[in-house]
Amino acid sequence: GIEVVFCGFDNDAQVWKSLRAGVESVASASYLSTLNEVDFE
């Protein structure tokens, strides 16, 4: 299968959080808006 992290949003810190998520665990909306796109499968 595929492991999907349904992230929770921390309103105080304004970041998305996960329990365990591969190689990152916290990310801001501004950071996520700058990500590169890749071809995956």
PDB file of all heavy atoms in Angstrom:
ATOM      1  N   GLY A   1       0.797  -1.220   0.000  1.00  0.00           N
ATOM      2  CA  GLY A   1       0.000   0.000   0.000  1.00  0.00           C
ATOM      3  C   GLY A   1       0.828   1.267   0.000  1.00  0.00           C
ATOM      4  O   GLY A   1       2.034   1.270  -0.287  1.00  0.00           O
ATOM      5  N   ILE A   2       0.159   2.361   0.335  1.00  0.00           N
ATOM      6  CA  ILE A   2       0.784   3.680   0.447  1.00  0.00           C
ATOM      7  C   ILE A   2       0.504   4.207   1.846  1.00  0.00           C
ATOM      8  O   ILE A   2      -0.623   4.097   2.353  1.00  0.00           O
ATOM      9  CB  ILE A   2       0.224   4.646  -0.614  1.00  0.00           C
ATOM     10  CG1 ILE A   2       0.664   4.187  -2.009  1.00  0.00           C
ATOM     11  CG2 ILE A   2       0.677   6.085  -0.359  1.00  0.00           C
ATOM     12  CD1 ILE A   2       0.065   4.999  -3.141  1.00  0.00           C
ATOM     13  N   GLU A   3       1.520   4.740   2.493  1.00  0.00           N
ATOM     14  CA  GLU A   3       1.338   5.307   3.822  1.00  0.00           C
ATOM     15  C   GLU A   3       0.964   6.781   3.684  1.00  0.00           C
ATOM     16  O   GLU A   3       1.691   7.554   3.064  1.00  0.00           O
ATOM     17  CB  GLU A   3       2.600   5.109   4.661  1.00  0.00           C
ATOM     18  CG  GLU A   3       2.932   3.624   4.853  1.00  0.00           C
ATOM     19  CD  GLU A   3       4.031   3.360   5.859  1.00  0.00           C
ATOM     20  OE1 GLU A   3       4.123   4.116   6.847  1.00  0.00           O
ATOM     21  OE2 GLU A   3       4.787   2.389   5.664  1.00  0.00           O
ATOM     22  N   VAL A   4      -0.177   7.119   4.239  1.00  0.00           N
ATOM     23  CA  VAL A   4      -0.698   8.486   4.145  1.00  0.00           C
ATOM     24  C   VAL A   4      -0.771   9.081   5.542  1.00  0.00           C
ATOM     25  O   VAL A   4      -1.362   8.487   6.449  1.00  0.00           O
ATOM     26  CB  VAL A   4      -2.082   8.522   3.483  1.00  0.00           C
ATOM     27  CG1 VAL A   4      -2.633   9.950   3.471  1.00  0.00           C
ATOM     28  CG2 VAL A   4      -2.015   7.965   2.069  1.00  0.00           C
ATOM     29  N   VAL A   5      -0.149  10.249   5.720  1.00  0.00           N
ATOM     30  CA  VAL A   5      -0.207  10.971   6.984  1.00  0.00           C
ATOM     31  C   VAL A   5      -1.277  12.049   6.868  1.00  0.00           C
ATOM     32  O   VAL A   5      -1.145  12.970   6.064  1.00  0.00           O
ATOM     33  CB  VAL A   5       1.151  11.614   7.312  1.00  0.00           C
ATOM     34  CG1 VAL A   5       1.066  12.350   8.650  1.00  0.00           C
ATOM     35  CG2 VAL A   5       2.240  10.571   7.354  1.00  0.00           C
ATOM     36  N   PHE A   6      -2.348  11.890   7.626  1.00  0.00           N
ATOM     37  CA  PHE A   6      -3.364  12.937   7.702  1.00  0.00           C
ATOM     38  C   PHE A   6      -2.890  13.929   8.758  1.00  0.00           C
ATOM     39  O   PHE A   6      -3.004  13.686   9.958  1.00  0.00           O
ATOM     40  CB  PHE A   6      -4.723  12.334   8.058  1.00  0.00           C
ATOM     41  CG  PHE A   6      -5.318  11.542   6.942  1.00  0.00           C
ATOM     42  CD1 PHE A   6      -5.052  10.186   6.814  1.00  0.00           C
ATOM     43  CD2 PHE A   6      -6.129  12.159   5.987  1.00  0.00           C
ATOM     44  CE1 PHE A   6      -5.595   9.444   5.771  1.00  0.00           C
ATOM     45  CE2 PHE A   6      -6.668  11.424   4.939  1.00  0.00           C
ATOM     46  CZ  PHE A   6      -6.400  10.072   4.837  1.00  0.00           C
ATOM     47  N   CYS A   7      -2.293  15.009   8.305  1.00  0.00           N
ATOM     48  CA  CYS A   7      -1.619  15.950   9.197  1.00  0.00           C
ATOM     49  C   CYS A   7      -2.619  16.772   9.996  1.00  0.00           C
ATOM     50  O   CYS A   7      -3.716  17.085   9.533  1.00  0.00           O
ATOM     51  CB  CYS A   7      -0.717  16.882   8.393  1.00  0.00           C
ATOM     52  SG  CYS A   7       0.634  16.035   7.549  1.00  0.00           S
ATOM     53  N   GLY A   8      -2.200  17.144  11.206  1.00  0.00           N
ATOM     54  CA  GLY A   8      -2.973  18.069  12.022  1.00  0.00           C
ATOM     55  C   GLY A   8      -2.401  19.471  11.885  1.00  0.00           C
ATOM     56  O   GLY A   8      -1.202  19.646  11.678  1.00  0.00           O
ATOM     57  N   PHE A   9      -3.262  20.473  12.003  1.00  0.00           N
ATOM     58  CA  PHE A   9      -2.792  21.854  11.847  1.00  0.00           C
ATOM     59  C   PHE A   9      -2.725  22.520  13.214  1.00  0.00           C
ATOM     60  O   PHE A   9      -3.690  22.503  13.986  1.00  0.00           O
ATOM     61  CB  PHE A   9      -3.713  22.649  10.933  1.00  0.00           C
ATOM     62  CG  PHE A   9      -3.163  23.998  10.560  1.00  0.00           C
ATOM     63  CD1 PHE A   9      -2.102  24.111   9.683  1.00  0.00           C
ATOM     64  CD2 PHE A   9      -3.691  25.159  11.119  1.00  0.00           C
ATOM     65  CE1 PHE A   9      -1.579  25.353   9.334  1.00  0.00           C
ATOM     66  CE2 PHE A   9      -3.185  26.406  10.773  1.00  0.00           C
ATOM     67  CZ  PHE A   9      -2.119  26.503   9.879  1.00  0.00           C
ATOM     68  N   ASP A  10      -1.553  23.093  13.531  1.00  0.00           N
ATOM     69  CA  ASP A  10      -1.331  23.813  14.779  1.00  0.00           C
ATOM     70  C   ASP A  10      -1.597  25.290  14.528  1.00  0.00           C
ATOM     71  O   ASP A  10      -0.796  25.975  13.885  1.00  0.00           O
ATOM     72  CB  ASP A  10       0.110  23.584  15.242  1.00  0.00           C
ATOM     73  CG  ASP A  10       0.402  24.199  16.606  1.00  0.00           C
ATOM     74  OD1 ASP A  10      -0.238  25.206  16.958  1.00  0.00           O
ATOM     75  OD2 ASP A  10       1.281  23.668  17.303  1.00  0.00           O
ATOM     76  N   ASN A  11      -2.741  25.776  15.018  1.00  0.00           N
ATOM     77  CA  ASN A  11      -3.122  27.162  14.762  1.00  0.00           C
ATOM     78  C   ASN A  11      -2.171  28.153  15.410  1.00  0.00           C
ATOM     79  O   ASN A  11      -1.918  29.234  14.865  1.00  0.00           O
ATOM     80  CB  ASN A  11      -4.546  27.418  15.268  1.00  0.00           C
ATOM     81  CG  ASN A  11      -5.591  26.844  14.334  1.00  0.00           C
ATOM     82  OD1 ASN A  11      -5.663  27.218  13.172  1.00  0.00           O
ATOM     83  ND2 ASN A  11      -6.396  25.914  14.843  1.00  0.00           N
ATOM     84  N   ASP A  12      -1.635  27.799  16.579  1.00  0.00           N
ATOM     85  CA  ASP A  12      -0.728  28.722  17.272  1.00  0.00           C
ATOM     86  C   ASP A  12       0.576  28.904  16.501  1.00  0.00           C
ATOM     87  O   ASP A  12       1.042  30.028  16.298  1.00  0.00           O
ATOM     88  CB  ASP A  12      -0.428  28.195  18.683  1.00  0.00           C
ATOM     89  CG  ASP A  12      -1.663  28.199  19.571  1.00  0.00           C
ATOM     90  OD1 ASP A  12      -2.558  29.040  19.332  1.00  0.00           O
ATOM     91  OD2 ASP A  12      -1.744  27.352  20.482  1.00  0.00           O
ATOM     92  N   ALA A  13       1.165  27.776  16.056  1.00  0.00           N
ATOM     93  CA  ALA A  13       2.436  27.853  15.330  1.00  0.00           C
ATOM     94  C   ALA A  13       2.245  28.014  13.834  1.00  0.00           C
ATOM     95  O   ALA A  13       3.207  28.276  13.112  1.00  0.00           O
ATOM     96  CB  ALA A  13       3.264  26.600  15.613  1.00  0.00           C
ATOM     97  N   GLN A  14       1.002  27.843  13.357  1.00  0.00           N
ATOM     98  CA  GLN A  14       0.694  27.932  11.930  1.00  0.00           C
ATOM     99  C   GLN A  14       1.537  26.956  11.100  1.00  0.00           C
ATOM    100  O   GLN A  14       2.134  27.311  10.087  1.00  0.00           O
ATOM    101  CB  GLN A  14       0.902  29.373  11.424  1.00  0.00           C
ATOM    102  CG  GLN A  14      -0.110  30.374  11.960  1.00  0.00           C
ATOM    103  CD  GLN A  14      -1.518  30.100  11.422  1.00  0.00           C
ATOM    104  OE1 GLN A  14      -1.755  30.233  10.220  1.00  0.00           O
ATOM    105  NE2 GLN A  14      -2.443  29.741  12.307  1.00  0.00           N
ATOM    106  N   VAL A  15       1.537  25.698  11.571  1.00  0.00           N
ATOM    107  CA  VAL A  15       2.274  24.655  10.855  1.00  0.00           C
ATOM    108  C   VAL A  15       1.441  23.383  10.812  1.00  0.00           C
ATOM    109  O   VAL A  15       0.572  23.151  11.663  1.00  0.00           O
ATOM    110  CB  VAL A  15       3.638  24.343  11.528  1.00  0.00           C
ATOM    111  CG1 VAL A  15       4.567  25.540  11.439  1.00  0.00           C
ATOM    112  CG2 VAL A  15       3.445  23.897  12.975  1.00  0.00           C
ATOM    113  N   TRP A  16       1.708  22.563   9.788  1.00  0.00           N
ATOM    114  CA  TRP A  16       1.138  21.226   9.703  1.00  0.00           C
ATOM    115  C   TRP A  16       2.079  20.276  10.435  1.00  0.00           C
ATOM    116  O   TRP A  16       3.294  20.349  10.303  1.00  0.00           O
ATOM    117  CB  TRP A  16       0.993  20.789   8.248  1.00  0.00           C
ATOM    118  CG  TRP A  16      -0.061  21.555   7.499  1.00  0.00           C
ATOM    119  CD1 TRP A  16       0.124  22.623   6.689  1.00  0.00           C
ATOM    120  CD2 TRP A  16      -1.464  21.283   7.503  1.00  0.00           C
ATOM    121  NE1 TRP A  16      -1.069  23.065   6.180  1.00  0.00           N
ATOM    122  CE2 TRP A  16      -2.078  22.252   6.659  1.00  0.00           C
ATOM    123  CE3 TRP A  16      -2.279  20.336   8.133  1.00  0.00           C
ATOM    124  CZ2 TRP A  16      -3.441  22.287   6.427  1.00  0.00           C
ATOM    125  CZ3 TRP A  16      -3.647  20.367   7.903  1.00  0.00           C
ATOM    126  CH2 TRP A  16      -4.221  21.338   7.058  1.00  0.00           C
ATOM    127  N   LYS A  17       1.484  19.328  11.206  1.00  0.00           N
ATOM    128  CA  LYS A  17       2.277  18.386  11.981  1.00  0.00           C
ATOM    129  C   LYS A  17       1.840  16.959  11.679  1.00  0.00           C
ATOM    130  O   LYS A  17       0.681  16.701  11.371  1.00  0.00           O
ATOM    131  CB  LYS A  17       2.127  18.649  13.480  1.00  0.00           C
ATOM    132  CG  LYS A  17       2.785  19.933  13.966  1.00  0.00           C
ATOM    133  CD  LYS A  17       2.687  20.022  15.487  1.00  0.00           C
ATOM    134  CE  LYS A  17       3.455  21.226  16.010  1.00  0.00           C
ATOM    135  NZ  LYS A  17       3.385  21.307  17.495  1.00  0.00           N
ATOM    136  N   SER A  18       2.796  16.035  11.807  1.00  0.00           N
ATOM    137  CA  SER A  18       2.489  14.615  11.619  1.00  0.00           C
ATOM    138  C   SER A  18       3.075  13.812  12.768  1.00  0.00           C
ATOM    139  O   SER A  18       3.948  14.289  13.498  1.00  0.00           O
ATOM    140  CB  SER A  18       3.064  14.113  10.299  1.00  0.00           C
ATOM    141  OG  SER A  18       4.476  14.052  10.393  1.00  0.00           O
ATOM    142  N   LEU A  19       2.590  12.583  12.928  1.00  0.00           N
ATOM    143  CA  LEU A  19       3.142  11.699  13.952  1.00  0.00           C
ATOM    144  C   LEU A  19       4.508  11.185  13.520  1.00  0.00           C
ATOM    145  O   LEU A  19       5.480  11.280  14.228  1.00  0.00           O
ATOM    146  CB  LEU A  19       2.198  10.508  14.181  1.00  0.00           C
ATOM    147  CG  LEU A  19       0.869  10.838  14.854  1.00  0.00           C
ATOM    148  CD1 LEU A  19      -0.012   9.600  14.886  1.00  0.00           C
ATOM    149  CD2 LEU A  19       1.105  11.330  16.274  1.00  0.00           C
ATOM    150  N   ARG A  20       4.569  10.612  12.347  1.00  0.00           N
ATOM    151  CA  ARG A  20       5.824  10.168  11.742  1.00  0.00           C
ATOM    152  C   ARG A  20       5.612  10.235  10.247  1.00  0.00           C
ATOM    153  O   ARG A  20       4.596   9.799   9.729  1.00  0.00           O
ATOM    154  CB  ARG A  20       6.203   8.754  12.177  1.00  0.00           C
ATOM    155  CG  ARG A  20       5.139   7.699  11.951  1.00  0.00           C
ATOM    156  CD  ARG A  20       5.575   6.355  12.551  1.00  0.00           C
ATOM    157  NE  ARG A  20       4.545   5.339  12.412  1.00  0.00           N
ATOM    158  CZ  ARG A  20       4.477   4.460  11.424  1.00  0.00           C
ATOM    159  NH1 ARG A  20       5.372   4.491  10.457  1.00  0.00           N
ATOM    160  NH2 ARG A  20       3.530   3.545  11.390  1.00  0.00           N
ATOM    161  N   ALA A  21       6.522  10.835   9.557  1.00  0.00           N
ATOM    162  CA  ALA A  21       6.244  11.133   8.156  1.00  0.00           C
ATOM    163  C   ALA A  21       7.482  11.036   7.292  1.00  0.00           C
ATOM    164  O   ALA A  21       7.872  11.979   6.634  1.00  0.00           O
ATOM    165  CB  ALA A  21       5.647  12.528   8.042  1.00  0.00           C
ATOM    166  N   GLY A  22       8.091   9.885   7.285  1.00  0.00           N
ATOM    167  CA  GLY A  22       9.254   9.756   6.431  1.00  0.00           C
ATOM    168  C   GLY A  22      10.409  10.570   6.957  1.00  0.00           C
ATOM    169  O   GLY A  22      10.968  10.259   7.991  1.00  0.00           O
ATOM    170  N   VAL A  23      10.745  11.658   6.305  1.00  0.00           N
ATOM    171  CA  VAL A  23      11.940  12.404   6.673  1.00  0.00           C
ATOM    172  C   VAL A  23      11.645  13.823   7.143  1.00  0.00           C
ATOM    173  O   VAL A  23      12.570  14.597   7.362  1.00  0.00           O
ATOM    174  CB  VAL A  23      12.929  12.439   5.481  1.00  0.00           C
ATOM    175  CG1 VAL A  23      13.487  11.055   5.218  1.00  0.00           C
ATOM    176  CG2 VAL A  23      12.269  12.988   4.231  1.00  0.00           C
ATOM    177  N   GLU A  24      10.393  14.202   7.295  1.00  0.00           N
ATOM    178  CA  GLU A  24      10.013  15.490   7.878  1.00  0.00           C
ATOM    179  C   GLU A  24       8.795  15.295   8.767  1.00  0.00           C
ATOM    180  O   GLU A  24       8.015  14.365   8.585  1.00  0.00           O
ATOM    181  CB  GLU A  24       9.721  16.533   6.790  1.00  0.00           C
ATOM    182  CG  GLU A  24      10.952  16.907   5.973  1.00  0.00           C
ATOM    183  CD  GLU A  24      10.740  18.159   5.125  1.00  0.00           C
ATOM    184  OE1 GLU A  24      10.095  19.104   5.602  1.00  0.00           O
ATOM    185  OE2 GLU A  24      11.215  18.171   3.980  1.00  0.00           O
ATOM    186  N   SER A  25       8.613  16.201   9.749  1.00  0.00           N
ATOM    187  CA  SER A  25       7.482  16.060  10.662  1.00  0.00           C
ATOM    188  C   SER A  25       6.693  17.341  10.865  1.00  0.00           C
ATOM    189  O   SER A  25       5.568  17.297  11.356  1.00  0.00           O
ATOM    190  CB  SER A  25       7.962  15.544  12.020  1.00  0.00           C
ATOM    191  OG  SER A  25       8.910  16.438  12.579  1.00  0.00           O
ATOM    192  N   VAL A  26       7.259  18.490  10.512  1.00  0.00           N
ATOM    193  CA  VAL A  26       6.584  19.777  10.682  1.00  0.00           C
ATOM    194  C   VAL A  26       6.848  20.620   9.439  1.00  0.00           C
ATOM    195  O   VAL A  26       7.970  20.641   8.920  1.00  0.00           O
ATOM    196  CB  VAL A  26       7.100  20.527  11.936  1.00  0.00           C
ATOM    197  CG1 VAL A  26       6.432  21.885  12.057  1.00  0.00           C
ATOM    198  CG2 VAL A  26       6.862  19.704  13.192  1.00  0.00           C
ATOM    199  N   ALA A  27       5.816  21.314   8.967  1.00  0.00           N
ATOM    200  CA  ALA A  27       5.995  22.168   7.789  1.00  0.00           C
ATOM    201  C   ALA A  27       4.986  23.308   7.805  1.00  0.00           C
ATOM    202  O   ALA A  27       3.805  23.102   8.099  1.00  0.00           O
ATOM    203  CB  ALA A  27       5.832  21.358   6.510  1.00  0.00           C
ATOM    204  N   SER A  28       5.458  24.491   7.479  1.00  0.00           N
ATOM    205  CA  SER A  28       4.565  25.652   7.393  1.00  0.00           C
ATOM    206  C   SER A  28       3.916  25.699   6.017  1.00  0.00           C
ATOM    207  O   SER A  28       4.432  25.117   5.042  1.00  0.00           O
ATOM    208  CB  SER A  28       5.354  26.943   7.625  1.00  0.00           C
ATOM    209  OG  SER A  28       6.279  27.146   6.559  1.00  0.00           O
ATOM    210  N   ALA A  29       2.801  26.388   5.928  1.00  0.00           N
ATOM    211  CA  ALA A  29       2.100  26.513   4.656  1.00  0.00           C
ATOM    212  C   ALA A  29       2.971  27.234   3.628  1.00  0.00           C
ATOM    213  O   ALA A  29       2.961  26.909   2.438  1.00  0.00           O
ATOM    214  CB  ALA A  29       0.781  27.246   4.858  1.00  0.00           C
ATOM    215  N   SER A  30       3.728  28.232   4.080  1.00  0.00           N
ATOM    216  CA  SER A  30       4.587  28.974   3.151  1.00  0.00           C
ATOM    217  C   SER A  30       5.680  28.076   2.574  1.00  0.00           C
ATOM    218  O   SER A  30       6.008  28.159   1.389  1.00  0.00           O
ATOM    219  CB  SER A  30       5.203  30.185   3.854  1.00  0.00           C
ATOM    220  OG  SER A  30       5.981  29.775   4.968  1.00  0.00           O
ATOM    221  N   TYR A  31       6.246  27.206   3.423  1.00  0.00           N
ATOM    222  CA  TYR A  31       7.257  26.259   2.942  1.00  0.00           C
ATOM    223  C   TYR A  31       6.652  25.293   1.930  1.00  0.00           C
ATOM    224  O   TYR A  31       7.232  25.044   0.857  1.00  0.00           O
ATOM    225  CB  TYR A  31       7.849  25.504   4.130  1.00  0.00           C
ATOM    226  CG  TYR A  31       8.568  24.222   3.764  1.00  0.00           C
ATOM    227  CD1 TYR A  31       9.772  24.250   3.061  1.00  0.00           C
ATOM    228  CD2 TYR A  31       8.047  22.989   4.138  1.00  0.00           C
ATOM    229  CE1 TYR A  31      10.425  23.070   2.728  1.00  0.00           C
ATOM    230  CE2 TYR A  31       8.697  21.812   3.819  1.00  0.00           C
ATOM    231  CZ  TYR A  31       9.887  21.854   3.117  1.00  0.00           C
ATOM    232  OH  TYR A  31      10.534  20.686   2.795  1.00  0.00           O
ATOM    233  N   LEU A  32       5.482  24.759   2.225  1.00  0.00           N
ATOM    234  CA  LEU A  32       4.849  23.801   1.327  1.00  0.00           C
ATOM    235  C   LEU A  32       4.532  24.418  -0.029  1.00  0.00           C
ATOM    236  O   LEU A  32       4.531  23.721  -1.045  1.00  0.00           O
ATOM    237  CB  LEU A  32       3.576  23.252   1.970  1.00  0.00           C
ATOM    238  CG  LEU A  32       3.780  22.383   3.229  1.00  0.00           C
ATOM    239  CD1 LEU A  32       2.431  22.023   3.843  1.00  0.00           C
ATOM    240  CD2 LEU A  32       4.582  21.133   2.907  1.00  0.00           C
ATOM    241  N   SER A  33       4.301  25.725  -0.050  1.00  0.00           N
ATOM    242  CA  SER A  33       3.958  26.388  -1.317  1.00  0.00           C
ATOM    243  C   SER A  33       5.158  26.540  -2.239  1.00  0.00           C
ATOM    244  O   SER A  33       4.994  26.845  -3.426  1.00  0.00           O
ATOM    245  CB  SER A  33       3.350  27.758  -1.035  1.00  0.00           C
ATOM    246  OG  SER A  33       4.323  28.640  -0.480  1.00  0.00           O
ATOM    247  N   THR A  34       6.376  26.307  -1.726  1.00  0.00           N
ATOM    248  CA  THR A  34       7.590  26.496  -2.533  1.00  0.00           C
ATOM    249  C   THR A  34       8.158  25.193  -3.077  1.00  0.00           C
ATOM    250  O   THR A  34       9.182  25.205  -3.756  1.00  0.00           O
ATOM    251  CB  THR A  34       8.680  27.180  -1.684  1.00  0.00           C
ATOM    252  OG1 THR A  34       9.082  26.285  -0.617  1.00  0.00           O
ATOM    253  CG2 THR A  34       8.173  28.491  -1.090  1.00  0.00           C
ATOM    254  N   LEU A  35       7.521  24.058  -2.804  1.00  0.00           N
ATOM    255  CA  LEU A  35       8.102  22.765  -3.145  1.00  0.00           C
ATOM    256  C   LEU A  35       8.128  22.512  -4.648  1.00  0.00           C
ATOM    257  O   LEU A  35       7.242  22.965  -5.388  1.00  0.00           O
ATOM    258  CB  LEU A  35       7.317  21.646  -2.456  1.00  0.00           C
ATOM    259  CG  LEU A  35       7.297  21.674  -0.932  1.00  0.00           C
ATOM    260  CD1 LEU A  35       6.465  20.510  -0.397  1.00  0.00           C
ATOM    261  CD2 LEU A  35       8.709  21.640  -0.347  1.00  0.00           C
ATOM    262  N   ASN A  36       9.137  21.760  -5.065  1.00  0.00           N
ATOM    263  CA  ASN A  36       9.219  21.339  -6.458  1.00  0.00           C
ATOM    264  C   ASN A  36       8.259  20.181  -6.707  1.00  0.00           C
ATOM    265  O   ASN A  36       7.956  19.398  -5.802  1.00  0.00           O
ATOM    266  CB  ASN A  36      10.645  20.881  -6.794  1.00  0.00           C
ATOM    267  CG  ASN A  36      11.651  22.006  -6.694  1.00  0.00           C
ATOM    268  OD1 ASN A  36      11.358  23.145  -7.062  1.00  0.00           O
ATOM    269  ND2 ASN A  36      12.837  21.691  -6.205  1.00  0.00           N
ATOM    270  N   GLU A  37       7.816  20.054  -7.945  1.00  0.00           N
ATOM    271  CA  GLU A  37       7.016  18.905  -8.334  1.00  0.00           C
ATOM    272  C   GLU A  37       7.913  17.887  -9.024  1.00  0.00           C
ATOM    273  O   GLU A  37       8.855  18.250  -9.736  1.00  0.00           O
ATOM    274  CB  GLU A  37       5.875  19.307  -9.278  1.00  0.00           C
ATOM    275  CG  GLU A  37       4.698  19.955  -8.588  1.00  0.00           C
ATOM    276  CD  GLU A  37       3.460  19.989  -9.481  1.00  0.00           C
ATOM    277  OE1 GLU A  37       3.598  19.723 -10.700  1.00  0.00           O
ATOM    278  OE2 GLU A  37       2.367  20.269  -8.956  1.00  0.00           O
ATOM    279  N   VAL A  38       7.621  16.612  -8.797  1.00  0.00           N
ATOM    280  CA  VAL A  38       8.390  15.539  -9.426  1.00  0.00           C
ATOM    281  C   VAL A  38       7.426  14.534 -10.037  1.00  0.00           C
ATOM    282  O   VAL A  38       6.247  14.469  -9.687  1.00  0.00           O
ATOM    283  CB  VAL A  38       9.309  14.826  -8.400  1.00  0.00           C
ATOM    284  CG1 VAL A  38      10.367  15.768  -7.875  1.00  0.00           C
ATOM    285  CG2 VAL A  38       8.484  14.223  -7.270  1.00  0.00           C
ATOM    286  N   ASP A  39       7.964  13.744 -10.965  1.00  0.00           N
ATOM    287  CA  ASP A  39       7.204  12.616 -11.497  1.00  0.00           C
ATOM    288  C   ASP A  39       7.446  11.427 -10.583  1.00  0.00           C
ATOM    289  O   ASP A  39       8.588  10.994 -10.375  1.00  0.00           O
ATOM    290  CB  ASP A  39       7.672  12.274 -12.920  1.00  0.00           C
ATOM    291  CG  ASP A  39       7.217  13.308 -13.926  1.00  0.00           C
ATOM    292  OD1 ASP A  39       6.012  13.600 -13.947  1.00  0.00           O
ATOM    293  OD2 ASP A  39       8.071  13.823 -14.673  1.00  0.00           O
ATOM    294  N   PHE A  40       6.378  10.890 -10.026  1.00  0.00           N
ATOM    295  CA  PHE A  40       6.490   9.727  -9.156  1.00  0.00           C
ATOM    296  C   PHE A  40       5.457   8.701  -9.579  1.00  0.00           C
ATOM    297  O   PHE A  40       4.251   8.943  -9.491  1.00  0.00           O
ATOM    298  CB  PHE A  40       6.279  10.114  -7.687  1.00  0.00           C
ATOM    299  CG  PHE A  40       6.503   8.970  -6.732  1.00  0.00           C
ATOM    300  CD1 PHE A  40       7.788   8.570  -6.392  1.00  0.00           C
ATOM    301  CD2 PHE A  40       5.421   8.290  -6.185  1.00  0.00           C
ATOM    302  CE1 PHE A  40       8.003   7.506  -5.526  1.00  0.00           C
ATOM    303  CE2 PHE A  40       5.622   7.222  -5.315  1.00  0.00           C
ATOM    304  CZ  PHE A  40       6.919   6.833  -4.985  1.00  0.00           C
ATOM    305  N   GLU A  41       5.940   7.598 -10.108  1.00  0.00           N
ATOM    306  CA  GLU A  41       5.070   6.518 -10.578  1.00  0.00           C
ATOM    307  C   GLU A  41       3.985   7.025 -11.523  1.00  0.00           C
ATOM    308  O   GLU A  41       2.820   6.645 -11.434  1.00  0.00           O
ATOM    309  CB  GLU A  41       4.446   5.774  -9.387  1.00  0.00           C
ATOM    310  CG  GLU A  41       5.451   5.115  -8.468  1.00  0.00           C
ATOM    311  CD  GLU A  41       6.382   4.164  -9.192  1.00  0.00           C
ATOM    312  OE1 GLU A  41       5.896   3.418 -10.059  1.00  0.00           O
ATOM    313  OE2 GLU A  41       7.590   4.168  -8.894  1.00  0.00           O
TER     314      GLU A  41
END
